[in-house]
Each structure stands twice: as C-alpha cells, then as structure tokens.
Protein backbone atom coordinates (compact mmCIF):
# COMPACT_ATOMS: atom_id res chain seq x y z
CA MET A 1 -54.77 91.71 34.64
CA LYS A 2 -53.34 89.50 31.92
CA THR A 3 -50.61 88.27 34.32
CA LEU A 4 -53.21 87.42 36.93
CA THR A 5 -55.25 85.48 34.39
CA THR A 6 -52.20 83.51 33.28
CA LEU A 7 -51.32 82.75 36.89
CA THR A 8 -54.86 81.63 37.60
CA ILE A 9 -54.80 79.28 34.62
CA PHE A 10 -51.48 77.86 35.80
CA ILE A 11 -52.83 77.25 39.31
CA LEU A 12 -55.97 75.58 37.97
CA THR A 13 -53.96 73.39 35.60
CA PHE A 14 -51.50 72.45 38.31
CA GLY A 15 -54.38 71.56 40.59
CA GLN A 16 -55.95 69.37 37.93
CA LEU A 17 -52.71 67.48 37.39
CA TYR A 18 -51.42 67.16 40.93
CA GLY A 19 -54.02 68.28 43.43
CA GLN A 20 -57.08 66.25 42.55
CA LYS A 21 -58.76 64.62 45.49
CA LYS A 22 -59.10 60.87 45.42
CA GLN A 23 -62.44 59.66 44.05
CA CYS A 24 -63.82 56.70 45.92
CA HIS A 25 -67.62 56.79 45.97
CA CYS A 26 -70.71 56.33 43.81
CA ASN A 27 -74.11 57.72 44.82
CA LYS A 28 -76.09 56.08 42.00
CA ASP A 29 -75.29 52.47 42.90
CA THR A 30 -74.32 52.13 46.54
CA LEU A 31 -73.44 48.45 46.07
CA ILE A 32 -70.29 49.59 44.28
CA ASN A 33 -69.08 51.13 47.52
CA GLN A 34 -69.23 47.73 49.21
CA ALA A 35 -68.12 45.38 46.44
CA THR A 36 -65.25 46.88 44.50
CA VAL A 37 -61.64 47.93 45.02
CA SER A 38 -60.12 49.40 48.13
CA CYS A 39 -58.84 52.95 47.64
CA GLU A 40 -56.13 52.60 50.27
CA ALA A 41 -52.75 53.70 48.92
CA LYS A 42 -49.80 51.32 48.71
CA PHE A 43 -46.44 53.06 49.11
CA LEU A 44 -43.53 51.73 47.08
CA ASN A 45 -39.90 51.59 48.09
CA ASN A 46 -39.03 54.56 45.87
CA LYS A 47 -41.72 56.68 47.65
CA ALA A 48 -44.13 56.46 44.73
CA LYS A 49 -47.59 55.10 45.48
CA LEU A 50 -50.38 53.05 43.96
CA TYR A 51 -54.07 53.51 44.61
CA TRP A 52 -57.35 52.55 43.02
CA GLN A 53 -60.13 55.09 42.51
CA TYR A 54 -63.69 54.78 41.32
CA ASN A 55 -66.83 56.77 40.69
CA CYS A 56 -70.11 55.91 38.98
CA ASP A 57 -68.47 55.92 35.55
CA LYS A 58 -65.15 54.12 35.89
CA ILE A 59 -62.67 52.25 38.08
CA TRP A 60 -58.98 52.97 37.60
CA LEU A 61 -55.55 52.35 39.14
CA THR A 62 -53.15 55.27 39.54
CA LEU A 63 -49.39 55.24 39.88
CA GLU A 64 -48.34 58.52 41.52
CA THR A 65 -44.63 59.12 41.00
CA THR A 66 -42.24 60.84 43.39
CA GLN A 67 -42.69 63.96 41.22
CA HIS A 68 -46.46 63.74 41.94
CA ARG A 69 -47.24 62.81 38.37
CA LYS A 70 -50.42 60.70 38.26
CA ILE A 71 -50.48 57.93 35.66
CA THR A 72 -53.45 55.65 35.05
CA ILE A 73 -52.01 52.15 34.56
CA ASP A 74 -55.19 50.06 34.60
CA GLU A 75 -58.97 50.37 34.26
CA VAL A 76 -61.90 48.04 34.96
CA PRO A 77 -65.32 48.61 33.34
CA VAL A 78 -67.59 50.00 36.04
CA GLU A 79 -70.33 47.49 35.24
CA LEU A 80 -67.90 44.73 36.27
CA TYR A 81 -67.13 46.29 39.64
CA GLY A 82 -67.85 43.05 41.49
CA TYR A 83 -65.07 41.30 39.57
CA SER A 84 -62.45 44.02 39.93
CA TYR A 85 -60.21 41.86 42.14
CA ARG A 86 -59.92 39.21 39.42
CA LEU A 87 -59.98 41.45 36.35
CA GLY A 88 -57.94 44.47 37.45
CA PHE A 89 -54.31 44.76 38.38
CA HIS A 90 -53.59 42.98 41.66
CA PHE A 91 -50.22 43.85 43.18
CA VAL A 92 -47.89 40.84 43.39
CA LYS A 93 -44.29 42.02 43.71
CA GLU A 94 -42.22 45.18 43.70
CA PHE A 95 -38.81 44.81 42.11
CA ASP A 96 -36.17 47.55 42.16
CA LYS A 97 -37.26 48.97 38.79
CA SER A 98 -40.66 47.48 38.13
CA ILE A 99 -43.92 46.20 39.61
CA LEU A 100 -45.53 42.85 38.85
CA PHE A 101 -49.32 42.67 38.68
CA ARG A 102 -51.80 39.84 38.17
CA SER A 103 -55.00 40.47 36.18
CA GLY A 104 -57.55 39.00 33.78
CA CYS A 105 -58.23 35.92 35.90
CA PRO A 106 -61.27 33.84 34.90
CA ALA A 107 -63.10 31.85 37.58
CA ASN A 108 -60.97 28.71 37.13
CA GLY A 109 -58.27 29.57 34.68
CA PRO A 110 -54.86 31.11 34.14
CA CYS A 111 -54.18 34.77 34.80
CA ILE A 112 -52.19 37.42 32.96
CA PHE A 113 -49.11 38.88 34.64
CA THR A 114 -47.80 42.32 33.71
CA LEU A 115 -44.58 44.14 34.51
CA ILE A 116 -44.88 47.93 34.77
CA ASP A 117 -41.95 50.36 35.01
CA LYS A 118 -42.51 51.92 38.43
CA ASN A 119 -40.91 55.23 37.44
CA THR A 120 -42.76 55.84 34.17
CA GLY A 121 -45.88 53.65 34.46
CA LYS A 122 -45.12 52.11 31.06
CA LYS A 123 -45.74 48.44 30.43
CA ILE A 124 -42.56 46.38 30.11
CA ASP A 125 -44.04 42.98 29.27
CA ASP A 126 -46.99 40.59 29.65
CA PHE A 127 -46.72 36.95 30.67
CA GLY A 128 -49.11 34.04 30.81
CA GLN A 129 -49.64 32.00 33.97
CA LEU A 130 -46.49 32.10 36.10
CA ILE A 131 -45.30 29.17 38.17
CA CYS A 132 -45.87 29.16 41.96
CA ILE A 133 -47.10 32.77 41.95
CA ASP A 134 -50.62 31.87 43.12
CA THR A 135 -49.21 29.57 45.79
CA ASP A 136 -47.02 32.30 47.25
CA VAL A 137 -49.42 35.23 46.94
CA ARG A 138 -52.47 33.49 48.39
CA ASP A 139 -53.53 34.68 51.85
CA ASP A 140 -51.48 37.88 51.45
CA LYS A 141 -48.16 36.04 51.45
CA LYS A 142 -45.40 37.98 49.74
CA TYR A 143 -43.69 36.64 46.65
CA GLU A 144 -40.13 36.46 47.94
CA PHE A 145 -38.10 35.77 44.82
CA GLU A 146 -36.26 38.30 42.62
CA PHE A 147 -37.21 36.36 39.48
CA ILE A 148 -40.28 34.85 37.88
CA VAL A 149 -40.64 31.34 36.43
CA TYR A 150 -42.79 30.32 33.50
CA ALA A 151 -42.99 27.79 30.66
CA ASP A 152 -42.06 28.62 27.09
CA ASN A 153 -44.75 28.53 24.40
CA ASN A 154 -44.11 24.87 23.56
CA TYR A 155 -43.84 23.65 27.17
CA LYS A 156 -40.35 22.34 26.42
CA ASN A 157 -38.42 24.66 28.74
CA LEU A 158 -38.74 26.54 32.00
CA ILE A 159 -37.80 30.20 31.78
CA ILE A 160 -36.34 32.00 34.80
CA TYR A 161 -36.41 35.75 34.29
CA TYR A 162 -34.84 38.45 36.47
CA PRO A 163 -36.72 41.70 35.65
CA ASP A 164 -34.17 44.08 37.18
CA LYS A 165 -31.18 42.52 35.43
CA LYS A 166 -33.16 41.57 32.30
CA LYS A 167 -31.42 38.23 32.71
CA LEU A 168 -33.04 35.12 31.32
CA LEU A 169 -32.20 31.46 32.00
CA THR A 170 -33.61 28.64 29.87
CA VAL A 171 -33.87 25.27 31.62
CA PRO A 172 -34.84 22.22 29.51
CA PHE A 173 -37.95 20.63 31.00
CA ASP A 174 -40.42 18.83 28.75
CA PHE A 175 -43.83 19.04 30.41
CA GLN A 176 -45.27 16.16 28.33
CA ARG A 177 -42.39 13.78 29.07
CA ASN A 178 -42.50 14.68 32.76
CA ASN A 179 -46.24 13.89 32.83
CA LEU A 180 -47.45 17.43 33.49
CA THR A 181 -50.45 17.24 31.22
CA ALA A 182 -53.23 19.06 33.08
CA VAL A 183 -55.28 21.71 31.29
CA ILE A 184 -53.16 24.29 33.13
CA PRO A 185 -49.86 22.45 33.74
CA GLU A 186 -48.39 25.44 35.59
CA TYR A 187 -50.80 24.62 38.41
CA GLN A 188 -49.07 21.26 38.90
CA PHE A 189 -46.12 23.04 40.50
CA ASP A 190 -46.81 23.12 44.22
CA SER A 191 -44.02 25.32 45.58
CA MET A 192 -40.42 26.37 45.13
CA LYS A 193 -37.56 27.26 47.42
CA LEU A 194 -34.20 28.94 46.98
CA ASP A 195 -31.13 27.86 48.95
CA GLY A 196 -28.19 30.00 47.89
CA SER A 197 -28.06 29.55 44.12
CA ILE A 198 -30.02 26.28 44.14
CA LEU A 199 -33.66 26.59 43.14
CA THR A 200 -35.93 23.61 43.81
CA LEU A 201 -39.38 23.34 42.26
CA PHE A 202 -41.80 20.79 43.73
CA TYR A 203 -44.47 19.44 41.41
CA THR A 204 -47.16 16.78 41.20
CA ARG A 205 -47.41 14.68 38.04
CA THR A 206 -50.75 13.92 36.43
CA ASP A 207 -50.57 10.41 37.88
CA GLY A 208 -50.29 11.88 41.38
CA LYS A 209 -46.59 11.23 41.94
CA LYS A 210 -44.75 14.06 43.69
CA LEU A 211 -41.29 14.98 42.40
CA ASN A 212 -38.92 17.93 42.40
CA LEU A 213 -36.61 19.65 39.98
CA THR A 214 -33.32 21.16 41.20
CA ILE A 215 -31.70 24.00 39.23
CA ASN A 216 -28.32 25.63 39.82
CA LEU A 217 -28.97 29.24 38.85
CA LYS A 218 -25.26 29.87 38.40
CA ASN A 219 -24.88 27.15 35.79
CA THR A 220 -23.84 28.97 32.61
CA LYS A 221 -25.43 26.35 30.36
CA TYR A 222 -28.82 27.92 31.10
CA SER A 223 -27.72 31.38 29.91
CA PRO A 224 -28.17 32.45 26.28
C-alpha cells in the first residue's frame, strides 16, 4: 500500500511538472481571449519550444526544453493584457545558444532587448534599443544577422556583439559629431547590409542628409 502511495505521488508530481495542459482562456473577462497573446507554440532549432499561456490571473511565457522541463521566462500583469505585445517578450532572433527578445516598449520610445539561454532559460544580458532591429523585424521579417549592433553608454562607439561567440567589436562613431542627435538616435539608422565581412549601416542625419558607415568586421583594430 505504501509503495502504491509513493508511486501515485510520483505520477501526480510528474504530471504537474511535465503533463500540464496549456492554459489559454479566461471566462471572467472574455475580452482577454481576443486581445492578448497567441498561445501557438514556436519550435526552436534545438527542438525546444516557446509558448505563451494565460488565464484570468496571469499571462506568462514558457520555454519547454528538450527534456520537457517547463521554465517561465516572462510574465505580463493580467490587467495589462491589451499591451502584452509591447510589454512582454516578443521573439526576435534565435541564435545557436540563445534567444533574443524585445520587450518593455512604450508607445513611442525605445525597447529593451534580452538574451535568454535557450537551454536553461536563464537571462544572459539586457540591452537598450538596438540598431536596425525594428526595421528588420517589422512585418514579420526575420533578423538575418548573427550579431547585434548598439551604441555604448556615451554614444561615442558602436558595439557589434556576437552572442554565440561572445565576441565584441568596438567601432569609434561619435553620434554628436555625426549629427545623430534625435531623442532616440538609434532610430536614425535606416538599414544595414552585410557583404562578406563588410557591414554597411545606412543612416539619416538630423539635418536630413543620408550617409552610410562601412565597417570591416575582420579588422583587428575593433577587437579588444
């Protein structure tokens, strides 16, 4: 009898950890069912998956690993369900070892970008507004690059960071001297393209003049 009880407890515990059905409905406020996240799963290259869930009490994003471990990596207050797309984690890019998300976006302001380890669900790092991310992700376009680009805290350099290699390049570029003086100067970069090892960033100065910056990613002077 004792063995049966222990087995029953094990089965119940296992079911709670790995066999829970996806929650995706609220009976109290039916507007939530029409105006919040989609619960459709996104499968990653390593066979793990991401999916949002919600009920009448909370909205949360789950990373389910290949071992069927379910890790909550983000939550949105249920009373803000109508803003979940801007406030919660929005998938941007899957790298070999990590996932890049956008979140915390005000109506007309910069967003927060977060790298999550896709095997453990742990946060690797947070970044401010990235360059050309919004341009590439808009209208469901995929972000094609294996690096991210952002300005340093003083807007004196561009940082090119490869998450998988943990490689960082520092490119001198003074935003003030180059007349990128908007409230959110990152938005003055229009697009970027990569041709072999040559990265070109196209930007519009505050006076309306359109220019570009060409960077040789193999130039060792940009490495630490």
